[in-house]
Amino acid sequence: MKKHKAEKINGVFINPHIKDEKRALTSFRVWIWKMGLIGDHYDPIPKGFKYPKPKLDFHPKKPWAMWIGHNTYLISCGGVHILTDPHWSNYCSPIPLLQYKRYVEPPLEIDQLPKIDFVLITHDHYDHLDRKSIKKLFKRFPNILWIVPEGLKEWFGKFGIHNVKELNWWDEVTIDGSFKITSVPCQHFSGRMSMYSNKTLWQGIVFQDLRNSKTFYLAGDTGYNPFDFKQIGENFPKIDLSIICIGGYAPRKMMFQMHSSSFETVKIHQEIGSILTLASHWKTFKVSDEPMEQPPFELYRDMKKANVDFSTFLVLEIGEKVNW
């Protein structure tokens, strides 16, 4: 399967597997105007439901991951620390809007973090690219290498941040012969004040620690298509750890092209061949219509239907660590 770069038409990036991007734009705008008024049906969560989790022994000297909240994970491997889409602010909006407030506090503050070597950014939406967090991290760790999608380097430069690698899909960067970082496709959109401007790219990221033969995949926000994830699995035959969003999927009428349903999330997990997947993008901010506690139950239901081992796809508590 040929590796395709992301392309622009009339100055904006496009999703190659969506036939009508204008329809997707219209659907999303309708949802913004009528948030909470469209109404999907949700299966009731059984009383006392808990997502199945095996007993896990934690070893601090082995590679580990900790969920900070939303799509922010702290990853440790061989003494190197990585942050994904860092977000510590109380709101995921340009101004403090009540509907975008943080529901669960981060388990540790930026000044409590270990030395951060890499920060991986999937796209520029406010719940994934938080200006206050970026500036605090840069002030504390000025030597961070920032991995960003094409078009975002200029945004970082406004804050004096220049140690930035800007990637298009399937671009690679190798650091000191020890780390290889690859941008991979996902199906989403971009924009800050104009949420669907698509002037900057969106991406998944594969991070390979060549010293320890460890591979980590960050999916980012993405709708499902039958091409991208199979191709990622083919190009990276051993993905030790994946972080995949399980929330943000409702209402389906509006979100189906840009956010995966739980059924599709399970397919992504299977198609990339992930040894261990961790859930993200739920519980912290309410950025879509499904009830806050719904995603783990939807995931449980679809994992069970697909007969997938629950120990391969975990739903952590915020602040919880797991080895990978």
C-alpha atoms as a PDB file:
ATOM      1  CA  MET A   1       0.000   0.000   0.000  1.00  0.00           C
ATOM      2  CA  LYS A   2       1.515   3.317  -1.109  1.00  0.00           C
ATOM      3  CA  LYS A   3       2.310   5.903   1.566  1.00  0.00           C
ATOM      4  CA  HIS A   4       0.479   9.125   0.763  1.00  0.00           C
ATOM      5  CA  LYS A   5       1.462  12.554   2.047  1.00  0.00           C
ATOM      6  CA  ALA A   6      -1.307  14.857   3.215  1.00  0.00           C
ATOM      7  CA  GLU A   7      -2.280  17.189   0.392  1.00  0.00           C
ATOM      8  CA  LYS A   8      -3.718  20.683   0.180  1.00  0.00           C
ATOM      9  CA  ILE A   9      -6.442  21.961  -2.113  1.00  0.00           C
ATOM     10  CA  ASN A  10      -6.903  25.726  -2.288  1.00  0.00           C
ATOM     11  CA  GLY A  11      -4.581  26.169   0.681  1.00  0.00           C
ATOM     12  CA  VAL A  12      -6.267  23.721   3.070  1.00  0.00           C
ATOM     13  CA  PHE A  13      -5.448  20.126   3.973  1.00  0.00           C
ATOM     14  CA  ILE A  14      -7.929  17.439   2.969  1.00  0.00           C
ATOM     15  CA  ASN A  15      -8.932  14.000   4.237  1.00  0.00           C
ATOM     16  CA  PRO A  16      -8.322  11.650   1.283  1.00  0.00           C
ATOM     17  CA  HIS A  17     -10.930   9.089   2.375  1.00  0.00           C
ATOM     18  CA  ILE A  18     -13.834  11.506   2.886  1.00  0.00           C
ATOM     19  CA  LYS A  19     -15.784  12.100  -0.308  1.00  0.00           C
ATOM     20  CA  ASP A  20     -17.532  15.286   0.772  1.00  0.00           C
ATOM     21  CA  GLU A  21     -15.577  17.455   3.215  1.00  0.00           C
ATOM     22  CA  LYS A  22     -18.129  20.251   2.871  1.00  0.00           C
ATOM     23  CA  ARG A  23     -20.786  17.948   4.262  1.00  0.00           C
ATOM     24  CA  ALA A  24     -18.531  17.124   7.209  1.00  0.00           C
ATOM     25  CA  LEU A  25     -18.002  20.845   7.836  1.00  0.00           C
ATOM     26  CA  THR A  26     -21.745  21.550   7.715  1.00  0.00           C
ATOM     27  CA  SER A  27     -22.502  18.641  10.049  1.00  0.00           C
ATOM     28  CA  PHE A  28     -19.946  19.822  12.582  1.00  0.00           C
ATOM     29  CA  ARG A  29     -21.250  23.383  12.543  1.00  0.00           C
ATOM     30  CA  VAL A  30     -24.816  22.139  13.074  1.00  0.00           C
ATOM     31  CA  TRP A  31     -23.597  20.228  16.115  1.00  0.00           C
ATOM     32  CA  ILE A  32     -21.846  23.308  17.524  1.00  0.00           C
ATOM     33  CA  TRP A  33     -25.070  25.299  17.181  1.00  0.00           C
ATOM     34  CA  LYS A  34     -27.269  22.580  18.678  1.00  0.00           C
ATOM     35  CA  MET A  35     -24.907  20.894  21.127  1.00  0.00           C
ATOM     36  CA  GLY A  36     -26.869  18.551  23.357  1.00  0.00           C
ATOM     37  CA  LEU A  37     -30.109  18.985  21.405  1.00  0.00           C
ATOM     38  CA  ILE A  38     -29.690  16.376  18.654  1.00  0.00           C
ATOM     39  CA  GLY A  39     -30.017  13.311  20.872  1.00  0.00           C
ATOM     40  CA  ASP A  40     -28.482   9.877  20.354  1.00  0.00           C
ATOM     41  CA  HIS A  41     -29.716   6.753  22.113  1.00  0.00           C
ATOM     42  CA  TYR A  42     -27.287   5.369  24.689  1.00  0.00           C
ATOM     43  CA  ASP A  43     -27.496   1.938  26.253  1.00  0.00           C
ATOM     44  CA  PRO A  44     -27.918   2.339  30.021  1.00  0.00           C
ATOM     45  CA  ILE A  45     -24.796   1.592  32.057  1.00  0.00           C
ATOM     46  CA  PRO A  46     -25.493  -1.301  34.456  1.00  0.00           C
ATOM     47  CA  LYS A  47     -25.361  -0.379  38.115  1.00  0.00           C
ATOM     48  CA  GLY A  48     -21.884  -0.991  39.544  1.00  0.00           C
ATOM     49  CA  PHE A  49     -20.290  -1.395  36.113  1.00  0.00           C
ATOM     50  CA  LYS A  50     -16.495  -1.346  36.035  1.00  0.00           C
ATOM     51  CA  TYR A  51     -14.408  -1.900  32.952  1.00  0.00           C
ATOM     52  CA  PRO A  52     -12.557  -5.226  33.374  1.00  0.00           C
ATOM     53  CA  LYS A  53      -8.961  -4.787  34.433  1.00  0.00           C
ATOM     54  CA  PRO A  54      -6.414  -7.512  35.235  1.00  0.00           C
ATOM     55  CA  LYS A  55      -4.297  -7.280  38.384  1.00  0.00           C
ATOM     56  CA  LEU A  56      -1.240  -5.305  37.331  1.00  0.00           C
ATOM     57  CA  ASP A  57       2.165  -5.335  39.030  1.00  0.00           C
ATOM     58  CA  PHE A  58       3.994  -2.060  38.489  1.00  0.00           C
ATOM     59  CA  HIS A  59       7.785  -1.911  38.113  1.00  0.00           C
ATOM     60  CA  PRO A  60       9.146   1.688  38.084  1.00  0.00           C
ATOM     61  CA  LYS A  61      12.344   0.720  36.242  1.00  0.00           C
ATOM     62  CA  LYS A  62      10.443  -0.759  33.293  1.00  0.00           C
ATOM     63  CA  PRO A  63       8.823   1.439  30.602  1.00  0.00           C
ATOM     64  CA  TRP A  64       5.590   2.937  31.921  1.00  0.00           C
ATOM     65  CA  ALA A  65       2.745   5.264  30.997  1.00  0.00           C
ATOM     66  CA  MET A  66       0.604   7.477  33.240  1.00  0.00           C
ATOM     67  CA  TRP A  67      -2.681   9.120  32.286  1.00  0.00           C
ATOM     68  CA  ILE A  68      -2.647  12.836  33.140  1.00  0.00           C
ATOM     69  CA  GLY A  69      -6.129  13.414  31.669  1.00  0.00           C
ATOM     70  CA  HIS A  70      -7.889  13.791  28.304  1.00  0.00           C
ATOM     71  CA  ASN A  71      -5.252  13.034  25.618  1.00  0.00           C
ATOM     72  CA  THR A  72      -2.291  13.819  27.874  1.00  0.00           C
ATOM     73  CA  TYR A  73      -0.079  10.881  28.839  1.00  0.00           C
ATOM     74  CA  LEU A  74       3.344  10.870  30.441  1.00  0.00           C
ATOM     75  CA  ILE A  75       5.425   8.089  28.861  1.00  0.00           C
ATOM     76  CA  SER A  76       8.697   6.808  30.293  1.00  0.00           C
ATOM     77  CA  CYS A  77      11.139   4.546  28.450  1.00  0.00           C
ATOM     78  CA  GLY A  78      14.788   3.973  29.269  1.00  0.00           C
ATOM     79  CA  GLY A  79      15.167   7.233  31.184  1.00  0.00           C
ATOM     80  CA  VAL A  80      13.481   9.340  28.464  1.00  0.00           C
ATOM     81  CA  HIS A  81      10.153  11.062  29.141  1.00  0.00           C
ATOM     82  CA  ILE A  82       7.515  11.952  26.554  1.00  0.00           C
ATOM     83  CA  LEU A  83       4.327  13.998  26.877  1.00  0.00           C
ATOM     84  CA  THR A  84       1.385  13.720  24.513  1.00  0.00           C
ATOM     85  CA  ASP A  85      -0.907  16.690  23.735  1.00  0.00           C
ATOM     86  CA  PRO A  86      -0.123  18.341  27.106  1.00  0.00           C
ATOM     87  CA  HIS A  87      -3.099  20.042  28.737  1.00  0.00           C
ATOM     88  CA  TRP A  88      -3.110  21.337  32.318  1.00  0.00           C
ATOM     89  CA  SER A  89      -5.523  24.272  32.032  1.00  0.00           C
ATOM     90  CA  ASN A  90      -8.968  24.475  33.625  1.00  0.00           C
ATOM     91  CA  TYR A  91     -10.735  24.965  30.284  1.00  0.00           C
ATOM     92  CA  CYS A  92     -10.229  23.568  26.778  1.00  0.00           C
ATOM     93  CA  SER A  93     -11.439  26.717  25.037  1.00  0.00           C
ATOM     94  CA  PRO A  94      -9.903  30.071  24.080  1.00  0.00           C
ATOM     95  CA  ILE A  95     -11.952  31.778  26.816  1.00  0.00           C
ATOM     96  CA  PRO A  96     -13.299  30.193  30.025  1.00  0.00           C
ATOM     97  CA  LEU A  97     -16.573  28.658  28.831  1.00  0.00           C
ATOM     98  CA  LEU A  98     -18.462  26.634  31.442  1.00  0.00           C
ATOM     99  CA  GLN A  99     -19.283  23.786  29.024  1.00  0.00           C
ATOM    100  CA  TYR A 100     -15.555  23.234  28.414  1.00  0.00           C
ATOM    101  CA  LYS A 101     -14.374  23.201  32.022  1.00  0.00           C
ATOM    102  CA  ARG A 102     -12.072  20.506  33.412  1.00  0.00           C
ATOM    103  CA  TYR A 103     -13.906  17.894  35.490  1.00  0.00           C
ATOM    104  CA  VAL A 104     -10.913  16.047  36.989  1.00  0.00           C
ATOM    105  CA  GLU A 105      -7.740  17.737  38.227  1.00  0.00           C
ATOM    106  CA  PRO A 106      -4.373  16.554  36.853  1.00  0.00           C
ATOM    107  CA  PRO A 107      -2.623  14.089  39.195  1.00  0.00           C
ATOM    108  CA  LEU A 108       0.528  16.220  39.232  1.00  0.00           C
ATOM    109  CA  GLU A 109       1.471  19.745  38.187  1.00  0.00           C
ATOM    110  CA  ILE A 110       3.983  20.736  35.530  1.00  0.00           C
ATOM    111  CA  ASP A 111       6.543  21.676  38.193  1.00  0.00           C
ATOM    112  CA  GLN A 112       6.290  18.086  39.536  1.00  0.00           C
ATOM    113  CA  LEU A 113       7.138  16.434  36.212  1.00  0.00           C
ATOM    114  CA  PRO A 114      10.407  14.621  35.565  1.00  0.00           C
ATOM    115  CA  LYS A 115      12.635  16.090  32.841  1.00  0.00           C
ATOM    116  CA  ILE A 116      10.629  16.042  29.609  1.00  0.00           C
ATOM    117  CA  ASP A 117      12.590  15.194  26.454  1.00  0.00           C
ATOM    118  CA  PHE A 118       9.861  15.033  23.790  1.00  0.00           C
ATOM    119  CA  VAL A 119       6.385  16.491  23.386  1.00  0.00           C
ATOM    120  CA  LEU A 120       4.113  15.024  20.709  1.00  0.00           C
ATOM    121  CA  ILE A 121       1.326  17.214  19.302  1.00  0.00           C
ATOM    122  CA  THR A 122      -1.401  15.637  17.148  1.00  0.00           C
ATOM    123  CA  HIS A 123      -3.312  18.768  16.047  1.00  0.00           C
ATOM    124  CA  ASP A 124      -4.195  22.311  17.038  1.00  0.00           C
ATOM    125  CA  HIS A 125      -7.660  22.036  18.662  1.00  0.00           C
ATOM    126  CA  TYR A 126      -7.858  23.646  22.093  1.00  0.00           C
ATOM    127  CA  ASP A 127      -8.271  20.341  23.936  1.00  0.00           C
ATOM    128  CA  HIS A 128      -4.994  19.087  22.392  1.00  0.00           C
ATOM    129  CA  LEU A 129      -2.868  22.235  22.033  1.00  0.00           C
ATOM    130  CA  ASP A 130      -3.038  24.336  25.191  1.00  0.00           C
ATOM    131  CA  ARG A 131      -1.052  27.588  25.044  1.00  0.00           C
ATOM    132  CA  LYS A 132      -0.627  27.987  28.826  1.00  0.00           C
ATOM    133  CA  SER A 133       0.661  24.440  29.257  1.00  0.00           C
ATOM    134  CA  ILE A 134       3.036  24.782  26.295  1.00  0.00           C
ATOM    135  CA  LYS A 135       4.549  28.003  27.688  1.00  0.00           C
ATOM    136  CA  LYS A 136       4.960  26.534  31.196  1.00  0.00           C
ATOM    137  CA  LEU A 137       6.632  23.413  29.820  1.00  0.00           C
ATOM    138  CA  PHE A 138       9.001  25.444  27.649  1.00  0.00           C
ATOM    139  CA  LYS A 139       9.947  27.668  30.590  1.00  0.00           C
ATOM    140  CA  ARG A 140      10.770  24.653  32.766  1.00  0.00           C
ATOM    141  CA  PHE A 141      12.296  22.442  30.046  1.00  0.00           C
ATOM    142  CA  PRO A 142      13.728  24.715  27.288  1.00  0.00           C
ATOM    143  CA  ASN A 143      15.431  21.794  25.495  1.00  0.00           C
ATOM    144  CA  ILE A 144      12.266  19.821  24.747  1.00  0.00           C
ATOM    145  CA  LEU A 145      12.005  18.589  21.157  1.00  0.00           C
ATOM    146  CA  TRP A 146       8.487  19.378  19.950  1.00  0.00           C
ATOM    147  CA  ILE A 147       6.996  17.106  17.269  1.00  0.00           C
ATOM    148  CA  VAL A 148       4.143  18.888  15.473  1.00  0.00           C
ATOM    149  CA  PRO A 149       2.098  18.460  12.284  1.00  0.00           C
ATOM    150  CA  GLU A 150       2.809  20.547   9.198  1.00  0.00           C
ATOM    151  CA  GLY A 151       1.806  24.183   9.579  1.00  0.00           C
ATOM    152  CA  LEU A 152       2.206  24.476  13.365  1.00  0.00           C
ATOM    153  CA  LYS A 153       5.884  25.396  13.660  1.00  0.00           C
ATOM    154  CA  GLU A 154       5.080  29.073  13.134  1.00  0.00           C
ATOM    155  CA  TRP A 155       2.608  29.025  16.061  1.00  0.00           C
ATOM    156  CA  PHE A 156       5.346  27.744  18.401  1.00  0.00           C
ATOM    157  CA  GLY A 157       7.794  30.340  17.110  1.00  0.00           C
ATOM    158  CA  LYS A 158       5.523  33.115  18.433  1.00  0.00           C
ATOM    159  CA  PHE A 159       6.496  31.987  21.947  1.00  0.00           C
ATOM    160  CA  GLY A 160      10.213  31.680  21.217  1.00  0.00           C
ATOM    161  CA  ILE A 161      10.023  27.907  20.808  1.00  0.00           C
ATOM    162  CA  HIS A 162      12.241  26.861  17.897  1.00  0.00           C
ATOM    163  CA  ASN A 163      13.338  23.288  18.696  1.00  0.00           C
ATOM    164  CA  VAL A 164      10.406  22.047  16.637  1.00  0.00           C
ATOM    165  CA  LYS A 165      10.161  19.296  14.020  1.00  0.00           C
ATOM    166  CA  GLU A 166       7.218  19.822  11.684  1.00  0.00           C
ATOM    167  CA  LEU A 167       6.022  16.690   9.867  1.00  0.00           C
ATOM    168  CA  ASN A 168       3.699  15.657   7.068  1.00  0.00           C
ATOM    169  CA  TRP A 169       2.289  12.115   6.989  1.00  0.00           C
ATOM    170  CA  TRP A 170       5.031   9.499   6.662  1.00  0.00           C
ATOM    171  CA  ASP A 171       7.803  12.024   7.294  1.00  0.00           C
ATOM    172  CA  GLU A 172      10.423  10.619   9.660  1.00  0.00           C
ATOM    173  CA  VAL A 173      12.964  12.177  11.977  1.00  0.00           C
ATOM    174  CA  THR A 174      15.779  10.258  13.698  1.00  0.00           C
ATOM    175  CA  ILE A 175      17.360  11.688  16.850  1.00  0.00           C
ATOM    176  CA  ASP A 176      20.954  10.735  17.751  1.00  0.00           C
ATOM    177  CA  GLY A 177      20.456   7.318  16.159  1.00  0.00           C
ATOM    178  CA  SER A 178      18.382   6.390  19.217  1.00  0.00           C
ATOM    179  CA  PHE A 179      14.836   7.536  18.453  1.00  0.00           C
ATOM    180  CA  LYS A 180      12.810   7.452  15.261  1.00  0.00           C
ATOM    181  CA  ILE A 181       9.586   9.469  15.057  1.00  0.00           C
ATOM    182  CA  THR A 182       7.125   9.075  12.195  1.00  0.00           C
ATOM    183  CA  SER A 183       3.998  11.077  11.398  1.00  0.00           C
ATOM    184  CA  VAL A 184       1.166   8.776  10.311  1.00  0.00           C
ATOM    185  CA  PRO A 185      -2.268   9.530   8.833  1.00  0.00           C
ATOM    186  CA  CYS A 186      -5.450  10.042  10.790  1.00  0.00           C
ATOM    187  CA  GLN A 187      -8.857  11.357   9.728  1.00  0.00           C
ATOM    188  CA  HIS A 188      -9.751  14.601  11.443  1.00  0.00           C
ATOM    189  CA  PHE A 189      -9.580  18.386  10.935  1.00  0.00           C
ATOM    190  CA  SER A 190      -7.884  21.465  12.389  1.00  0.00           C
ATOM    191  CA  GLY A 191      -8.366  25.084  13.332  1.00  0.00           C
ATOM    192  CA  ARG A 192      -8.332  27.256  16.453  1.00  0.00           C
ATOM    193  CA  MET A 193     -10.603  30.318  16.349  1.00  0.00           C
ATOM    194  CA  SER A 194     -12.011  28.920  13.109  1.00  0.00           C
ATOM    195  CA  MET A 195     -12.427  25.305  14.169  1.00  0.00           C
ATOM    196  CA  TYR A 196     -12.530  23.845  10.677  1.00  0.00           C
ATOM    197  CA  SER A 197     -10.005  25.945   8.756  1.00  0.00           C
ATOM    198  CA  ASN A 198      -7.711  22.955   7.983  1.00  0.00           C
ATOM    199  CA  LYS A 199      -4.734  25.230   7.340  1.00  0.00           C
ATOM    200  CA  THR A 200      -2.581  23.052   9.612  1.00  0.00           C
ATOM    201  CA  LEU A 201      -2.349  19.273   9.484  1.00  0.00           C
ATOM    202  CA  TRP A 202      -3.575  16.598  11.926  1.00  0.00           C
ATOM    203  CA  GLN A 203      -1.556  13.459  12.581  1.00  0.00           C
ATOM    204  CA  GLY A 204      -0.958  10.275  14.476  1.00  0.00           C
ATOM    205  CA  ILE A 205       2.603   9.676  15.671  1.00  0.00           C
ATOM    206  CA  VAL A 206       4.732   6.539  15.964  1.00  0.00           C
ATOM    207  CA  PHE A 207       7.640   6.903  18.393  1.00  0.00           C
ATOM    208  CA  GLN A 208      10.344   4.218  18.271  1.00  0.00           C
ATOM    209  CA  ASP A 209      12.974   3.877  20.976  1.00  0.00           C
ATOM    210  CA  LEU A 210      15.669   2.105  18.954  1.00  0.00           C
ATOM    211  CA  ARG A 211      17.814   1.544  22.056  1.00  0.00           C
ATOM    212  CA  ASN A 212      15.185  -0.665  23.684  1.00  0.00           C
ATOM    213  CA  SER A 213      13.274  -1.913  20.599  1.00  0.00           C
ATOM    214  CA  LYS A 214      10.090  -0.287  21.904  1.00  0.00           C
ATOM    215  CA  THR A 215       7.389   1.280  19.721  1.00  0.00           C
ATOM    216  CA  PHE A 216       4.627   3.602  20.873  1.00  0.00           C
ATOM    217  CA  TYR A 217       1.687   4.834  18.766  1.00  0.00           C
ATOM    218  CA  LEU A 218      -0.381   7.958  19.482  1.00  0.00           C
ATOM    219  CA  ALA A 219      -3.547   7.865  17.381  1.00  0.00           C
ATOM    220  CA  GLY A 220      -4.862  11.388  18.007  1.00  0.00           C
ATOM    221  CA  ASP A 221      -8.464  12.309  17.242  1.00  0.00           C
ATOM    222  CA  THR A 222      -9.555  10.269  14.249  1.00  0.00           C
ATOM    223  CA  GLY A 223     -12.496   8.892  12.370  1.00  0.00           C
ATOM    224  CA  TYR A 224     -12.209   5.366  11.019  1.00  0.00           C
ATOM    225  CA  ASN A 225     -11.449   4.324   7.460  1.00  0.00           C
ATOM    226  CA  PRO A 226     -10.404   0.886   6.170  1.00  0.00           C
ATOM    227  CA  PHE A 227      -7.018   2.088   4.892  1.00  0.00           C
ATOM    228  CA  ASP A 228      -4.923   4.116   7.342  1.00  0.00           C
ATOM    229  CA  PHE A 229      -4.767   1.800  10.333  1.00  0.00           C
ATOM    230  CA  LYS A 230      -4.115  -1.346   8.330  1.00  0.00           C
ATOM    231  CA  GLN A 231      -1.242   0.509   6.669  1.00  0.00           C
ATOM    232  CA  ILE A 232       0.146   1.626  10.035  1.00  0.00           C
ATOM    233  CA  GLY A 233       0.002  -1.987  11.247  1.00  0.00           C
ATOM    234  CA  GLU A 234       1.777  -3.190   8.119  1.00  0.00           C
ATOM    235  CA  ASN A 235       4.571  -0.610   8.451  1.00  0.00           C
ATOM    236  CA  PHE A 236       5.065  -1.121  12.193  1.00  0.00           C
ATOM    237  CA  PRO A 237       4.659  -4.852  12.844  1.00  0.00           C
ATOM    238  CA  LYS A 238       5.332  -4.557  16.603  1.00  0.00           C
ATOM    239  CA  ILE A 239       3.490  -1.730  18.365  1.00  0.00           C
ATOM    240  CA  ASP A 240       4.067  -2.226  22.072  1.00  0.00           C
ATOM    241  CA  LEU A 241       1.845   0.600  23.286  1.00  0.00           C
ATOM    242  CA  SER A 242      -0.972   2.619  21.732  1.00  0.00           C
ATOM    243  CA  ILE A 243      -3.018   5.524  23.052  1.00  0.00           C
ATOM    244  CA  ILE A 244      -6.411   5.679  21.361  1.00  0.00           C
ATOM    245  CA  CYS A 245      -9.353   8.013  22.027  1.00  0.00           C
ATOM    246  CA  ILE A 246     -12.533   6.356  23.299  1.00  0.00           C
ATOM    247  CA  GLY A 247     -14.676   9.506  23.754  1.00  0.00           C
ATOM    248  CA  GLY A 248     -15.852  12.339  21.525  1.00  0.00           C
ATOM    249  CA  TYR A 249     -18.017  10.204  19.243  1.00  0.00           C
ATOM    250  CA  ALA A 250     -21.530  11.621  19.724  1.00  0.00           C
ATOM    251  CA  PRO A 251     -23.771  12.504  18.080  1.00  0.00           C
ATOM    252  CA  ARG A 252     -22.831   9.964  15.416  1.00  0.00           C
ATOM    253  CA  LYS A 253     -24.719  11.874  12.738  1.00  0.00           C
ATOM    254  CA  MET A 254     -22.215  14.706  13.140  1.00  0.00           C
ATOM    255  CA  MET A 255     -19.078  12.934  14.394  1.00  0.00           C
ATOM    256  CA  PHE A 256     -18.891   9.737  12.321  1.00  0.00           C
ATOM    257  CA  GLN A 257     -16.252  11.029   9.915  1.00  0.00           C
ATOM    258  CA  MET A 258     -13.994  12.707  12.495  1.00  0.00           C
ATOM    259  CA  HIS A 259     -14.249  10.594  15.682  1.00  0.00           C
ATOM    260  CA  SER A 260     -14.398   6.806  15.881  1.00  0.00           C
ATOM    261  CA  SER A 261     -17.260   4.964  17.540  1.00  0.00           C
ATOM    262  CA  SER A 262     -16.298   2.400  20.174  1.00  0.00           C
ATOM    263  CA  PHE A 263     -16.832  -0.376  17.594  1.00  0.00           C
ATOM    264  CA  GLU A 264     -14.421   1.397  15.236  1.00  0.00           C
ATOM    265  CA  THR A 265     -11.955   2.049  18.048  1.00  0.00           C
ATOM    266  CA  VAL A 266     -11.758  -1.698  18.647  1.00  0.00           C
ATOM    267  CA  LYS A 267     -11.123  -2.189  14.911  1.00  0.00           C
ATOM    268  CA  ILE A 268      -8.272   0.337  15.034  1.00  0.00           C
ATOM    269  CA  HIS A 269      -6.773  -1.521  18.019  1.00  0.00           C
ATOM    270  CA  GLN A 270      -6.935  -4.775  16.048  1.00  0.00           C
ATOM    271  CA  GLU A 271      -5.736  -3.430  12.699  1.00  0.00           C
ATOM    272  CA  ILE A 272      -2.598  -1.810  14.088  1.00  0.00           C
ATOM    273  CA  GLY A 273      -1.838  -4.995  16.056  1.00  0.00           C
ATOM    274  CA  SER A 274      -1.319  -3.158  19.341  1.00  0.00           C
ATOM    275  CA  ILE A 275       0.061  -5.303  22.148  1.00  0.00           C
ATOM    276  CA  LEU A 276      -1.317  -2.891  24.763  1.00  0.00           C
ATOM    277  CA  THR A 277      -3.710   0.002  24.160  1.00  0.00           C
ATOM    278  CA  LEU A 278      -4.640   2.673  26.710  1.00  0.00           C
ATOM    279  CA  ALA A 279      -7.833   4.726  26.517  1.00  0.00           C
ATOM    280  CA  SER A 280      -7.808   8.514  26.325  1.00  0.00           C
ATOM    281  CA  HIS A 281     -10.057  11.481  25.478  1.00  0.00           C
ATOM    282  CA  TRP A 282     -12.802  10.984  28.035  1.00  0.00           C
ATOM    283  CA  LYS A 283     -13.677  11.932  31.633  1.00  0.00           C
ATOM    284  CA  THR A 284     -11.638  15.165  31.674  1.00  0.00           C
ATOM    285  CA  PHE A 285     -13.504  17.579  29.389  1.00  0.00           C
ATOM    286  CA  LYS A 286     -16.966  17.257  27.869  1.00  0.00           C
ATOM    287  CA  VAL A 287     -16.270  17.877  24.184  1.00  0.00           C
ATOM    288  CA  SER A 288     -19.174  15.895  22.707  1.00  0.00           C
ATOM    289  CA  ASP A 289     -22.697  14.758  23.536  1.00  0.00           C
ATOM    290  CA  GLU A 290     -22.271  11.283  25.038  1.00  0.00           C
ATOM    291  CA  PRO A 291     -22.626  11.093  28.862  1.00  0.00           C
ATOM    292  CA  MET A 292     -19.259  11.520  30.597  1.00  0.00           C
ATOM    293  CA  GLU A 293     -19.088   7.959  31.939  1.00  0.00           C
ATOM    294  CA  GLN A 294     -20.433   6.282  28.775  1.00  0.00           C
ATOM    295  CA  PRO A 295     -17.249   5.573  26.743  1.00  0.00           C
ATOM    296  CA  PRO A 296     -15.793   2.743  28.899  1.00  0.00           C
ATOM    297  CA  PHE A 297     -19.113   0.890  28.845  1.00  0.00           C
ATOM    298  CA  GLU A 298     -19.439   1.291  25.062  1.00  0.00           C
ATOM    299  CA  LEU A 299     -15.855   0.032  24.707  1.00  0.00           C
ATOM    300  CA  TYR A 300     -16.573  -2.941  27.001  1.00  0.00           C
ATOM    301  CA  ARG A 301     -19.651  -3.884  24.975  1.00  0.00           C
ATOM    302  CA  ASP A 302     -17.775  -3.768  21.653  1.00  0.00           C
ATOM    303  CA  MET A 303     -14.647  -5.503  22.962  1.00  0.00           C
ATOM    304  CA  LYS A 304     -16.902  -8.318  24.144  1.00  0.00           C
ATOM    305  CA  LYS A 305     -18.710  -8.524  20.781  1.00  0.00           C
ATOM    306  CA  ALA A 306     -15.361  -8.705  18.974  1.00  0.00           C
ATOM    307  CA  ASN A 307     -14.035 -11.295  21.455  1.00  0.00           C
ATOM    308  CA  VAL A 308     -10.917  -9.216  22.156  1.00  0.00           C
ATOM    309  CA  ASP A 309      -8.889  -9.844  25.320  1.00  0.00           C
ATOM    310  CA  PHE A 310      -9.655  -7.024  27.775  1.00  0.00           C
ATOM    311  CA  SER A 311      -6.075  -7.100  29.074  1.00  0.00           C
ATOM    312  CA  THR A 312      -4.932  -5.704  25.694  1.00  0.00           C
ATOM    313  CA  PHE A 313      -7.043  -2.520  25.943  1.00  0.00           C
ATOM    314  CA  LEU A 314      -7.063  -0.860  29.371  1.00  0.00           C
ATOM    315  CA  VAL A 315      -9.104   2.009  30.768  1.00  0.00           C
ATOM    316  CA  LEU A 316      -6.950   3.641  33.451  1.00  0.00           C
ATOM    317  CA  GLU A 317      -7.850   6.038  36.225  1.00  0.00           C
ATOM    318  CA  ILE A 318      -6.344   9.500  35.950  1.00  0.00           C
ATOM    319  CA  GLY A 319      -2.947   9.332  37.666  1.00  0.00           C
ATOM    320  CA  GLU A 320      -2.656   5.572  37.278  1.00  0.00           C
ATOM    321  CA  LYS A 321       0.590   4.077  35.911  1.00  0.00           C
ATOM    322  CA  VAL A 322       1.025   0.897  33.902  1.00  0.00           C
ATOM    323  CA  ASN A 323       4.055  -0.839  32.415  1.00  0.00           C
ATOM    324  CA  TRP A 324       4.320  -1.461  28.709  1.00  0.00           C
END
